[in-house]
Amino acid sequence: RLLASFGVRNLNPARWFLPFEEQADAA
């Protein structure tokens, strides 16, 4: 939640291995 509030949710280690494209599409 904290990282999402900074607009960098992809930095959460739970999401480290999700491709950037996939994360951008889900945003």
mmCIF file of all heavy atoms, coordinates in Angstrom:
data_MODEL
# 
_entry.id   MODEL 
# 
loop_
_atom_site.group_PDB 
_atom_site.id 
_atom_site.type_symbol 
_atom_site.label_atom_id 
_atom_site.label_alt_id 
_atom_site.label_comp_id 
_atom_site.label_asym_id 
_atom_site.label_entity_id 
_atom_site.label_seq_id 
_atom_site.pdbx_PDB_ins_code 
_atom_site.Cartn_x 
_atom_site.Cartn_y 
_atom_site.Cartn_z 
_atom_site.occupancy 
_atom_site.B_iso_or_equiv 
_atom_site.pdbx_formal_charge 
_atom_site.auth_seq_id 
_atom_site.auth_comp_id 
_atom_site.auth_asym_id 
_atom_site.auth_atom_id 
_atom_site.pdbx_PDB_model_num 
ATOM 1   N N   . ARG A 1 1  ? 0.835  -1.208  0.000   1.00 0.00 ? 1  ARG A N   1 
ATOM 2   C CA  . ARG A 1 1  ? 0.000  0.000   0.000   1.00 0.00 ? 1  ARG A CA  1 
ATOM 3   C C   . ARG A 1 1  ? 0.868  1.255   0.000   1.00 0.00 ? 1  ARG A C   1 
ATOM 4   O O   . ARG A 1 1  ? 0.582  2.222   -0.715  1.00 0.00 ? 1  ARG A O   1 
ATOM 5   C CB  . ARG A 1 1  ? -0.910 -0.004  1.225   1.00 0.00 ? 1  ARG A CB  1 
ATOM 6   C CG  . ARG A 1 1  ? -1.838 1.199   1.303   1.00 0.00 ? 1  ARG A CG  1 
ATOM 7   C CD  . ARG A 1 1  ? -2.765 1.077   2.508   1.00 0.00 ? 1  ARG A CD  1 
ATOM 8   N NE  . ARG A 1 1  ? -3.656 2.222   2.612   1.00 0.00 ? 1  ARG A NE  1 
ATOM 9   C CZ  . ARG A 1 1  ? -4.550 2.377   3.569   1.00 0.00 ? 1  ARG A CZ  1 
ATOM 10  N NH1 . ARG A 1 1  ? -4.687 1.445   4.502   1.00 0.00 ? 1  ARG A NH1 1 
ATOM 11  N NH2 . ARG A 1 1  ? -5.323 3.448   3.597   1.00 0.00 ? 1  ARG A NH2 1 
ATOM 12  N N   . LEU A 1 2  ? 1.949  1.235   0.792   1.00 0.00 ? 2  LEU A N   1 
ATOM 13  C CA  . LEU A 1 2  ? 2.823  2.402   0.864   1.00 0.00 ? 2  LEU A CA  1 
ATOM 14  C C   . LEU A 1 2  ? 3.504  2.654   -0.478  1.00 0.00 ? 2  LEU A C   1 
ATOM 15  O O   . LEU A 1 2  ? 3.531  3.785   -0.974  1.00 0.00 ? 2  LEU A O   1 
ATOM 16  C CB  . LEU A 1 2  ? 3.884  2.200   1.953   1.00 0.00 ? 2  LEU A CB  1 
ATOM 17  C CG  . LEU A 1 2  ? 4.904  3.331   2.112   1.00 0.00 ? 2  LEU A CG  1 
ATOM 18  C CD1 . LEU A 1 2  ? 4.198  4.628   2.474   1.00 0.00 ? 2  LEU A CD1 1 
ATOM 19  C CD2 . LEU A 1 2  ? 5.938  2.969   3.172   1.00 0.00 ? 2  LEU A CD2 1 
ATOM 20  N N   . LEU A 1 3  ? 4.042  1.597   -1.084  1.00 0.00 ? 3  LEU A N   1 
ATOM 21  C CA  . LEU A 1 3  ? 4.713  1.751   -2.370  1.00 0.00 ? 3  LEU A CA  1 
ATOM 22  C C   . LEU A 1 3  ? 3.726  2.186   -3.454  1.00 0.00 ? 3  LEU A C   1 
ATOM 23  O O   . LEU A 1 3  ? 4.071  2.966   -4.336  1.00 0.00 ? 3  LEU A O   1 
ATOM 24  C CB  . LEU A 1 3  ? 5.402  0.442   -2.757  1.00 0.00 ? 3  LEU A CB  1 
ATOM 25  C CG  . LEU A 1 3  ? 6.611  0.072   -1.886  1.00 0.00 ? 3  LEU A CG  1 
ATOM 26  C CD1 . LEU A 1 3  ? 7.046  -1.356  -2.158  1.00 0.00 ? 3  LEU A CD1 1 
ATOM 27  C CD2 . LEU A 1 3  ? 7.765  1.032   -2.123  1.00 0.00 ? 3  LEU A CD2 1 
ATOM 28  N N   . ALA A 1 4  ? 2.502  1.667   -3.386  1.00 0.00 ? 4  ALA A N   1 
ATOM 29  C CA  . ALA A 1 4  ? 1.475  2.067   -4.349  1.00 0.00 ? 4  ALA A CA  1 
ATOM 30  C C   . ALA A 1 4  ? 1.165  3.550   -4.219  1.00 0.00 ? 4  ALA A C   1 
ATOM 31  O O   . ALA A 1 4  ? 0.913  4.245   -5.213  1.00 0.00 ? 4  ALA A O   1 
ATOM 32  C CB  . ALA A 1 4  ? 0.220  1.234   -4.155  1.00 0.00 ? 4  ALA A CB  1 
ATOM 33  N N   . SER A 1 5  ? 1.188  4.062   -2.978  1.00 0.00 ? 5  SER A N   1 
ATOM 34  C CA  . SER A 1 5  ? 0.894  5.479   -2.765  1.00 0.00 ? 5  SER A CA  1 
ATOM 35  C C   . SER A 1 5  ? 1.971  6.364   -3.374  1.00 0.00 ? 5  SER A C   1 
ATOM 36  O O   . SER A 1 5  ? 1.725  7.517   -3.712  1.00 0.00 ? 5  SER A O   1 
ATOM 37  C CB  . SER A 1 5  ? 0.770  5.774   -1.264  1.00 0.00 ? 5  SER A CB  1 
ATOM 38  O OG  . SER A 1 5  ? 2.030  5.709   -0.612  1.00 0.00 ? 5  SER A OG  1 
ATOM 39  N N   . PHE A 1 6  ? 3.185  5.824   -3.523  1.00 0.00 ? 6  PHE A N   1 
ATOM 40  C CA  . PHE A 1 6  ? 4.280  6.554   -4.156  1.00 0.00 ? 6  PHE A CA  1 
ATOM 41  C C   . PHE A 1 6  ? 4.318  6.326   -5.665  1.00 0.00 ? 6  PHE A C   1 
ATOM 42  O O   . PHE A 1 6  ? 5.181  6.865   -6.364  1.00 0.00 ? 6  PHE A O   1 
ATOM 43  C CB  . PHE A 1 6  ? 5.625  6.123   -3.569  1.00 0.00 ? 6  PHE A CB  1 
ATOM 44  C CG  . PHE A 1 6  ? 5.803  6.486   -2.133  1.00 0.00 ? 6  PHE A CG  1 
ATOM 45  C CD1 . PHE A 1 6  ? 6.531  5.670   -1.279  1.00 0.00 ? 6  PHE A CD1 1 
ATOM 46  C CD2 . PHE A 1 6  ? 5.259  7.652   -1.617  1.00 0.00 ? 6  PHE A CD2 1 
ATOM 47  C CE1 . PHE A 1 6  ? 6.710  5.999   0.055   1.00 0.00 ? 6  PHE A CE1 1 
ATOM 48  C CE2 . PHE A 1 6  ? 5.431  7.993   -0.283  1.00 0.00 ? 6  PHE A CE2 1 
ATOM 49  C CZ  . PHE A 1 6  ? 6.158  7.167   0.560   1.00 0.00 ? 6  PHE A CZ  1 
ATOM 50  N N   . GLY A 1 7  ? 3.397  5.502   -6.165  1.00 0.00 ? 7  GLY A N   1 
ATOM 51  C CA  . GLY A 1 7  ? 3.373  5.206   -7.590  1.00 0.00 ? 7  GLY A CA  1 
ATOM 52  C C   . GLY A 1 7  ? 4.437  4.233   -8.035  1.00 0.00 ? 7  GLY A C   1 
ATOM 53  O O   . GLY A 1 7  ? 4.783  4.179   -9.214  1.00 0.00 ? 7  GLY A O   1 
ATOM 54  N N   . VAL A 1 8  ? 4.962  3.446   -7.084  1.00 0.00 ? 8  VAL A N   1 
ATOM 55  C CA  . VAL A 1 8  ? 6.026  2.484   -7.416  1.00 0.00 ? 8  VAL A CA  1 
ATOM 56  C C   . VAL A 1 8  ? 5.665  1.108   -6.847  1.00 0.00 ? 8  VAL A C   1 
ATOM 57  O O   . VAL A 1 8  ? 6.482  0.436   -6.226  1.00 0.00 ? 8  VAL A O   1 
ATOM 58  C CB  . VAL A 1 8  ? 7.400  2.945   -6.879  1.00 0.00 ? 8  VAL A CB  1 
ATOM 59  C CG1 . VAL A 1 8  ? 7.931  4.112   -7.679  1.00 0.00 ? 8  VAL A CG1 1 
ATOM 60  C CG2 . VAL A 1 8  ? 7.305  3.311   -5.392  1.00 0.00 ? 8  VAL A CG2 1 
ATOM 61  N N   . ARG A 1 9  ? 4.438  0.679   -7.068  1.00 0.00 ? 9  ARG A N   1 
ATOM 62  C CA  . ARG A 1 9  ? 3.976  -0.589  -6.510  1.00 0.00 ? 9  ARG A CA  1 
ATOM 63  C C   . ARG A 1 9  ? 4.806  -1.768  -7.002  1.00 0.00 ? 9  ARG A C   1 
ATOM 64  O O   . ARG A 1 9  ? 4.919  -2.791  -6.329  1.00 0.00 ? 9  ARG A O   1 
ATOM 65  C CB  . ARG A 1 9  ? 2.506  -0.782  -6.883  1.00 0.00 ? 9  ARG A CB  1 
ATOM 66  C CG  . ARG A 1 9  ? 1.840  -1.919  -6.132  1.00 0.00 ? 9  ARG A CG  1 
ATOM 67  C CD  . ARG A 1 9  ? 0.352  -1.976  -6.420  1.00 0.00 ? 9  ARG A CD  1 
ATOM 68  N NE  . ARG A 1 9  ? -0.242 -3.114  -5.724  1.00 0.00 ? 9  ARG A NE  1 
ATOM 69  C CZ  . ARG A 1 9  ? -1.201 -3.865  -6.239  1.00 0.00 ? 9  ARG A CZ  1 
ATOM 70  N NH1 . ARG A 1 9  ? -1.655 -3.617  -7.451  1.00 0.00 ? 9  ARG A NH1 1 
ATOM 71  N NH2 . ARG A 1 9  ? -1.710 -4.855  -5.559  1.00 0.00 ? 9  ARG A NH2 1 
ATOM 72  N N   . ASN A 1 10 ? 5.387  -1.635  -8.187  1.00 0.00 ? 10 ASN A N   1 
ATOM 73  C CA  . ASN A 1 10 ? 6.201  -2.720  -8.735  1.00 0.00 ? 10 ASN A CA  1 
ATOM 74  C C   . ASN A 1 10 ? 7.438  -3.010  -7.888  1.00 0.00 ? 10 ASN A C   1 
ATOM 75  O O   . ASN A 1 10 ? 8.066  -4.054  -8.038  1.00 0.00 ? 10 ASN A O   1 
ATOM 76  C CB  . ASN A 1 10 ? 6.648  -2.381  -10.159 1.00 0.00 ? 10 ASN A CB  1 
ATOM 77  C CG  . ASN A 1 10 ? 7.541  -1.134  -10.212 1.00 0.00 ? 10 ASN A CG  1 
ATOM 78  O OD1 . ASN A 1 10 ? 7.064  -0.018  -10.016 1.00 0.00 ? 10 ASN A OD1 1 
ATOM 79  N ND2 . ASN A 1 10 ? 8.813  -1.321  -10.480 1.00 0.00 ? 10 ASN A ND2 1 
ATOM 80  N N   . LEU A 1 11 ? 7.789  -2.097  -6.979  1.00 0.00 ? 11 LEU A N   1 
ATOM 81  C CA  . LEU A 1 11 ? 8.964  -2.315  -6.135  1.00 0.00 ? 11 LEU A CA  1 
ATOM 82  C C   . LEU A 1 11 ? 8.710  -3.323  -5.024  1.00 0.00 ? 11 LEU A C   1 
ATOM 83  O O   . LEU A 1 11 ? 9.659  -3.820  -4.419  1.00 0.00 ? 11 LEU A O   1 
ATOM 84  C CB  . LEU A 1 11 ? 9.430  -0.989  -5.521  1.00 0.00 ? 11 LEU A CB  1 
ATOM 85  C CG  . LEU A 1 11 ? 9.965  0.074   -6.479  1.00 0.00 ? 11 LEU A CG  1 
ATOM 86  C CD1 . LEU A 1 11 ? 10.495 1.265   -5.696  1.00 0.00 ? 11 LEU A CD1 1 
ATOM 87  C CD2 . LEU A 1 11 ? 11.053 -0.490  -7.378  1.00 0.00 ? 11 LEU A CD2 1 
ATOM 88  N N   . ASN A 1 12 ? 7.450  -3.612  -4.724  1.00 0.00 ? 12 ASN A N   1 
ATOM 89  C CA  . ASN A 1 12 ? 7.174  -4.611  -3.693  1.00 0.00 ? 12 ASN A CA  1 
ATOM 90  C C   . ASN A 1 12 ? 7.792  -5.936  -4.118  1.00 0.00 ? 12 ASN A C   1 
ATOM 91  O O   . ASN A 1 12 ? 7.542  -6.421  -5.222  1.00 0.00 ? 12 ASN A O   1 
ATOM 92  C CB  . ASN A 1 12 ? 5.667  -4.777  -3.507  1.00 0.00 ? 12 ASN A CB  1 
ATOM 93  C CG  . ASN A 1 12 ? 5.331  -5.647  -2.314  1.00 0.00 ? 12 ASN A CG  1 
ATOM 94  O OD1 . ASN A 1 12 ? 5.924  -6.691  -2.096  1.00 0.00 ? 12 ASN A OD1 1 
ATOM 95  N ND2 . ASN A 1 12 ? 4.371  -5.210  -1.523  1.00 0.00 ? 12 ASN A ND2 1 
ATOM 96  N N   . PRO A 1 13 ? 8.630  -6.556  -3.274  1.00 0.00 ? 13 PRO A N   1 
ATOM 97  C CA  . PRO A 1 13 ? 9.272  -7.816  -3.648  1.00 0.00 ? 13 PRO A CA  1 
ATOM 98  C C   . PRO A 1 13 ? 8.311  -8.904  -4.108  1.00 0.00 ? 13 PRO A C   1 
ATOM 99  O O   . PRO A 1 13 ? 8.696  -9.793  -4.860  1.00 0.00 ? 13 PRO A O   1 
ATOM 100 C CB  . PRO A 1 13 ? 10.005 -8.222  -2.363  1.00 0.00 ? 13 PRO A CB  1 
ATOM 101 C CG  . PRO A 1 13 ? 10.317 -6.917  -1.703  1.00 0.00 ? 13 PRO A CG  1 
ATOM 102 C CD  . PRO A 1 13 ? 9.119  -6.055  -1.970  1.00 0.00 ? 13 PRO A CD  1 
ATOM 103 N N   . ALA A 1 14 ? 7.051  -8.827  -3.671  1.00 0.00 ? 14 ALA A N   1 
ATOM 104 C CA  . ALA A 1 14 ? 6.066  -9.804  -4.119  1.00 0.00 ? 14 ALA A CA  1 
ATOM 105 C C   . ALA A 1 14 ? 5.766  -9.651  -5.610  1.00 0.00 ? 14 ALA A C   1 
ATOM 106 O O   . ALA A 1 14 ? 5.230  -10.570 -6.242  1.00 0.00 ? 14 ALA A O   1 
ATOM 107 C CB  . ALA A 1 14 ? 4.774  -9.655  -3.314  1.00 0.00 ? 14 ALA A CB  1 
ATOM 108 N N   . ARG A 1 15 ? 6.116  -8.490  -6.176  1.00 0.00 ? 15 ARG A N   1 
ATOM 109 C CA  . ARG A 1 15 ? 5.839  -8.207  -7.579  1.00 0.00 ? 15 ARG A CA  1 
ATOM 110 C C   . ARG A 1 15 ? 7.107  -8.078  -8.418  1.00 0.00 ? 15 ARG A C   1 
ATOM 111 O O   . ARG A 1 15 ? 7.050  -7.683  -9.577  1.00 0.00 ? 15 ARG A O   1 
ATOM 112 C CB  . ARG A 1 15 ? 5.025  -6.906  -7.674  1.00 0.00 ? 15 ARG A CB  1 
ATOM 113 C CG  . ARG A 1 15 ? 3.752  -6.905  -6.860  1.00 0.00 ? 15 ARG A CG  1 
ATOM 114 C CD  . ARG A 1 15 ? 3.105  -5.533  -6.829  1.00 0.00 ? 15 ARG A CD  1 
ATOM 115 N NE  . ARG A 1 15 ? 2.668  -5.108  -8.143  1.00 0.00 ? 15 ARG A NE  1 
ATOM 116 C CZ  . ARG A 1 15 ? 1.492  -5.422  -8.677  1.00 0.00 ? 15 ARG A CZ  1 
ATOM 117 N NH1 . ARG A 1 15 ? 0.625  -6.165  -8.000  1.00 0.00 ? 15 ARG A NH1 1 
ATOM 118 N NH2 . ARG A 1 15 ? 1.156  -5.005  -9.857  1.00 0.00 ? 15 ARG A NH2 1 
ATOM 119 N N   . TRP A 1 16 ? 8.242  -8.431  -7.835  1.00 0.00 ? 16 TRP A N   1 
ATOM 120 C CA  . TRP A 1 16 ? 9.522  -8.223  -8.512  1.00 0.00 ? 16 TRP A CA  1 
ATOM 121 C C   . TRP A 1 16 ? 9.639  -8.940  -9.849  1.00 0.00 ? 16 TRP A C   1 
ATOM 122 O O   . TRP A 1 16 ? 10.355 -8.489  -10.727 1.00 0.00 ? 16 TRP A O   1 
ATOM 123 C CB  . TRP A 1 16 ? 10.668 -8.687  -7.604  1.00 0.00 ? 16 TRP A CB  1 
ATOM 124 C CG  . TRP A 1 16 ? 11.183 -7.598  -6.711  1.00 0.00 ? 16 TRP A CG  1 
ATOM 125 C CD1 . TRP A 1 16 ? 10.532 -6.474  -6.315  1.00 0.00 ? 16 TRP A CD1 1 
ATOM 126 C CD2 . TRP A 1 16 ? 12.470 -7.546  -6.099  1.00 0.00 ? 16 TRP A CD2 1 
ATOM 127 N NE1 . TRP A 1 16 ? 11.320 -5.730  -5.472  1.00 0.00 ? 16 TRP A NE1 1 
ATOM 128 C CE2 . TRP A 1 16 ? 12.507 -6.365  -5.325  1.00 0.00 ? 16 TRP A CE2 1 
ATOM 129 C CE3 . TRP A 1 16 ? 13.568 -8.393  -6.095  1.00 0.00 ? 16 TRP A CE3 1 
ATOM 130 C CZ2 . TRP A 1 16 ? 13.637 -6.002  -4.591  1.00 0.00 ? 16 TRP A CZ2 1 
ATOM 131 C CZ3 . TRP A 1 16 ? 14.689 -8.037  -5.360  1.00 0.00 ? 16 TRP A CZ3 1 
ATOM 132 C CH2 . TRP A 1 16 ? 14.724 -6.848  -4.616  1.00 0.00 ? 16 TRP A CH2 1 
ATOM 133 N N   . PHE A 1 17 ? 8.988  -10.061 -9.997  1.00 0.00 ? 17 PHE A N   1 
ATOM 134 C CA  . PHE A 1 17 ? 9.206  -10.871 -11.197 1.00 0.00 ? 17 PHE A CA  1 
ATOM 135 C C   . PHE A 1 17 ? 8.066  -10.786 -12.197 1.00 0.00 ? 17 PHE A C   1 
ATOM 136 O O   . PHE A 1 17 ? 8.022  -11.537 -13.171 1.00 0.00 ? 17 PHE A O   1 
ATOM 137 C CB  . PHE A 1 17 ? 9.493  -12.313 -10.779 1.00 0.00 ? 17 PHE A CB  1 
ATOM 138 C CG  . PHE A 1 17 ? 10.578 -12.391 -9.731  1.00 0.00 ? 17 PHE A CG  1 
ATOM 139 C CD1 . PHE A 1 17 ? 10.311 -12.908 -8.465  1.00 0.00 ? 17 PHE A CD1 1 
ATOM 140 C CD2 . PHE A 1 17 ? 11.836 -11.892 -9.986  1.00 0.00 ? 17 PHE A CD2 1 
ATOM 141 C CE1 . PHE A 1 17 ? 11.300 -12.947 -7.490  1.00 0.00 ? 17 PHE A CE1 1 
ATOM 142 C CE2 . PHE A 1 17 ? 12.836 -11.915 -9.012  1.00 0.00 ? 17 PHE A CE2 1 
ATOM 143 C CZ  . PHE A 1 17 ? 12.564 -12.449 -7.764  1.00 0.00 ? 17 PHE A CZ  1 
ATOM 144 N N   . LEU A 1 18 ? 7.144  -9.852  -11.956 1.00 0.00 ? 18 LEU A N   1 
ATOM 145 C CA  . LEU A 1 18 ? 6.100  -9.570  -12.935 1.00 0.00 ? 18 LEU A CA  1 
ATOM 146 C C   . LEU A 1 18 ? 6.663  -8.594  -13.962 1.00 0.00 ? 18 LEU A C   1 
ATOM 147 O O   . LEU A 1 18 ? 7.232  -7.561  -13.592 1.00 0.00 ? 18 LEU A O   1 
ATOM 148 C CB  . LEU A 1 18 ? 4.878  -8.945  -12.253 1.00 0.00 ? 18 LEU A CB  1 
ATOM 149 C CG  . LEU A 1 18 ? 4.114  -9.824  -11.264 1.00 0.00 ? 18 LEU A CG  1 
ATOM 150 C CD1 . LEU A 1 18 ? 3.000  -9.011  -10.609 1.00 0.00 ? 18 LEU A CD1 1 
ATOM 151 C CD2 . LEU A 1 18 ? 3.546  -11.054 -11.953 1.00 0.00 ? 18 LEU A CD2 1 
ATOM 152 N N   . PRO A 1 19 ? 6.551  -8.885  -15.245 1.00 0.00 ? 19 PRO A N   1 
ATOM 153 C CA  . PRO A 1 19 ? 7.071  -7.972  -16.279 1.00 0.00 ? 19 PRO A CA  1 
ATOM 154 C C   . PRO A 1 19 ? 6.483  -6.571  -16.140 1.00 0.00 ? 19 PRO A C   1 
ATOM 155 O O   . PRO A 1 19 ? 5.320  -6.411  -15.761 1.00 0.00 ? 19 PRO A O   1 
ATOM 156 C CB  . PRO A 1 19 ? 6.628  -8.635  -17.587 1.00 0.00 ? 19 PRO A CB  1 
ATOM 157 C CG  . PRO A 1 19 ? 6.453  -10.080 -17.233 1.00 0.00 ? 19 PRO A CG  1 
ATOM 158 C CD  . PRO A 1 19 ? 5.935  -10.089 -15.821 1.00 0.00 ? 19 PRO A CD  1 
ATOM 159 N N   . PHE A 1 20 ? 7.293  -5.565  -16.418 1.00 0.00 ? 20 PHE A N   1 
ATOM 160 C CA  . PHE A 1 20 ? 6.816  -4.192  -16.326 1.00 0.00 ? 20 PHE A CA  1 
ATOM 161 C C   . PHE A 1 20 ? 5.571  -3.972  -17.192 1.00 0.00 ? 20 PHE A C   1 
ATOM 162 O O   . PHE A 1 20 ? 4.641  -3.279  -16.783 1.00 0.00 ? 20 PHE A O   1 
ATOM 163 C CB  . PHE A 1 20 ? 7.913  -3.229  -16.772 1.00 0.00 ? 20 PHE A CB  1 
ATOM 164 C CG  . PHE A 1 20 ? 9.074  -3.142  -15.814 1.00 0.00 ? 20 PHE A CG  1 
ATOM 165 C CD1 . PHE A 1 20 ? 10.381 -3.201  -16.280 1.00 0.00 ? 20 PHE A CD1 1 
ATOM 166 C CD2 . PHE A 1 20 ? 8.863  -2.998  -14.455 1.00 0.00 ? 20 PHE A CD2 1 
ATOM 167 C CE1 . PHE A 1 20 ? 11.453 -3.121  -15.403 1.00 0.00 ? 20 PHE A CE1 1 
ATOM 168 C CE2 . PHE A 1 20 ? 9.924  -2.914  -13.556 1.00 0.00 ? 20 PHE A CE2 1 
ATOM 169 C CZ  . PHE A 1 20 ? 11.224 -2.978  -14.043 1.00 0.00 ? 20 PHE A CZ  1 
ATOM 170 N N   . GLU A 1 21 ? 5.550  -4.563  -18.379 1.00 0.00 ? 21 GLU A N   1 
ATOM 171 C CA  . GLU A 1 21 ? 4.402  -4.391  -19.263 1.00 0.00 ? 21 GLU A CA  1 
ATOM 172 C C   . GLU A 1 21 ? 3.121  -4.913  -18.622 1.00 0.00 ? 21 GLU A C   1 
ATOM 173 O O   . GLU A 1 21 ? 2.066  -4.298  -18.700 1.00 0.00 ? 21 GLU A O   1 
ATOM 174 C CB  . GLU A 1 21 ? 4.643  -5.119  -20.596 1.00 0.00 ? 21 GLU A CB  1 
ATOM 175 C CG  . GLU A 1 21 ? 5.638  -4.430  -21.505 1.00 0.00 ? 21 GLU A CG  1 
ATOM 176 C CD  . GLU A 1 21 ? 5.709  -5.114  -22.848 1.00 0.00 ? 21 GLU A CD  1 
ATOM 177 O OE1 . GLU A 1 21 ? 4.901  -6.040  -23.096 1.00 0.00 ? 21 GLU A OE1 1 
ATOM 178 O OE2 . GLU A 1 21 ? 6.571  -4.739  -23.657 1.00 0.00 ? 21 GLU A OE2 1 
ATOM 179 N N   . GLU A 1 22 ? 3.247  -6.066  -17.983 1.00 0.00 ? 22 GLU A N   1 
ATOM 180 C CA  . GLU A 1 22 ? 2.078  -6.680  -17.340 1.00 0.00 ? 22 GLU A CA  1 
ATOM 181 C C   . GLU A 1 22 ? 1.570  -5.808  -16.198 1.00 0.00 ? 22 GLU A C   1 
ATOM 182 O O   . GLU A 1 22 ? 0.361  -5.644  -16.011 1.00 0.00 ? 22 GLU A O   1 
ATOM 183 C CB  . GLU A 1 22 ? 2.448  -8.068  -16.834 1.00 0.00 ? 22 GLU A CB  1 
ATOM 184 C CG  . GLU A 1 22 ? 1.308  -8.835  -16.213 1.00 0.00 ? 22 GLU A CG  1 
ATOM 185 C CD  . GLU A 1 22 ? 1.723  -10.231 -15.790 1.00 0.00 ? 22 GLU A CD  1 
ATOM 186 O OE1 . GLU A 1 22 ? 2.479  -10.878 -16.539 1.00 0.00 ? 22 GLU A OE1 1 
ATOM 187 O OE2 . GLU A 1 22 ? 1.304  -10.676 -14.702 1.00 0.00 ? 22 GLU A OE2 1 
ATOM 188 N N   . GLN A 1 23 ? 2.484  -5.235  -15.439 1.00 0.00 ? 23 GLN A N   1 
ATOM 189 C CA  . GLN A 1 23 ? 2.081  -4.388  -14.326 1.00 0.00 ? 23 GLN A CA  1 
ATOM 190 C C   . GLN A 1 23 ? 1.448  -3.096  -14.817 1.00 0.00 ? 23 GLN A C   1 
ATOM 191 O O   . GLN A 1 23 ? 0.511  -2.576  -14.220 1.00 0.00 ? 23 GLN A O   1 
ATOM 192 C CB  . GLN A 1 23 ? 3.283  -4.098  -13.433 1.00 0.00 ? 23 GLN A CB  1 
ATOM 193 C CG  . GLN A 1 23 ? 3.882  -5.359  -12.814 1.00 0.00 ? 23 GLN A CG  1 
ATOM 194 C CD  . GLN A 1 23 ? 4.708  -5.056  -11.582 1.00 0.00 ? 23 GLN A CD  1 
ATOM 195 O OE1 . GLN A 1 23 ? 4.254  -4.375  -10.676 1.00 0.00 ? 23 GLN A OE1 1 
ATOM 196 N NE2 . GLN A 1 23 ? 5.915  -5.574  -11.542 1.00 0.00 ? 23 GLN A NE2 1 
ATOM 197 N N   . ALA A 1 24 ? 1.974  -2.575  -15.922 1.00 0.00 ? 24 ALA A N   1 
ATOM 198 C CA  . ALA A 1 24 ? 1.418  -1.335  -16.472 1.00 0.00 ? 24 ALA A CA  1 
ATOM 199 C C   . ALA A 1 24 ? 0.006  -1.576  -16.974 1.00 0.00 ? 24 ALA A C   1 
ATOM 200 O O   . ALA A 1 24 ? -0.892 -0.746  -16.793 1.00 0.00 ? 24 ALA A O   1 
ATOM 201 C CB  . ALA A 1 24 ? 2.302  -0.832  -17.610 1.00 0.00 ? 24 ALA A CB  1 
ATOM 202 N N   . ASP A 1 25 ? -0.234 -2.729  -17.588 1.00 0.00 ? 25 ASP A N   1 
ATOM 203 C CA  . ASP A 1 25 ? -1.566 -3.055  -18.101 1.00 0.00 ? 25 ASP A CA  1 
ATOM 204 C C   . ASP A 1 25 ? -2.581 -3.218  -16.981 1.00 0.00 ? 25 ASP A C   1 
ATOM 205 O O   . ASP A 1 25 ? -3.770 -2.919  -17.151 1.00 0.00 ? 25 ASP A O   1 
ATOM 206 C CB  . ASP A 1 25 ? -1.525 -4.356  -18.924 1.00 0.00 ? 25 ASP A CB  1 
ATOM 207 C CG  . ASP A 1 25 ? -0.753 -4.173  -20.216 1.00 0.00 ? 25 ASP A CG  1 
ATOM 208 O OD1 . ASP A 1 25 ? -0.571 -3.011  -20.633 1.00 0.00 ? 25 ASP A OD1 1 
ATOM 209 O OD2 . ASP A 1 25 ? -0.325 -5.187  -20.794 1.00 0.00 ? 25 ASP A OD2 1 
ATOM 210 N N   . ALA A 1 26 ? -2.088 -3.695  -15.800 1.00 0.00 ? 26 ALA A N   1 
ATOM 211 C CA  . ALA A 1 26 ? -2.989 -3.956  -14.672 1.00 0.00 ? 26 ALA A CA  1 
ATOM 212 C C   . ALA A 1 26 ? -3.240 -2.717  -13.831 1.00 0.00 ? 26 ALA A C   1 
ATOM 213 O O   . ALA A 1 26 ? -4.101 -2.690  -12.966 1.00 0.00 ? 26 ALA A O   1 
ATOM 214 C CB  . ALA A 1 26 ? -2.423 -5.061  -13.799 1.00 0.00 ? 26 ALA A CB  1 
ATOM 215 N N   . ALA A 1 27 ? -2.473 -1.670  -14.071 1.00 0.00 ? 27 ALA A N   1 
ATOM 216 C CA  . ALA A 1 27 ? -2.575 -0.451  -13.249 1.00 0.00 ? 27 ALA A CA  1 
ATOM 217 C C   . ALA A 1 27 ? -3.900 0.270   -13.487 1.00 0.00 ? 27 ALA A C   1 
ATOM 218 O O   . ALA A 1 27 ? -4.483 0.199   -14.546 1.00 0.00 ? 27 ALA A O   1 
ATOM 219 C CB  . ALA A 1 27 ? -1.413 0.478   -13.564 1.00 0.00 ? 27 ALA A CB  1 
# 
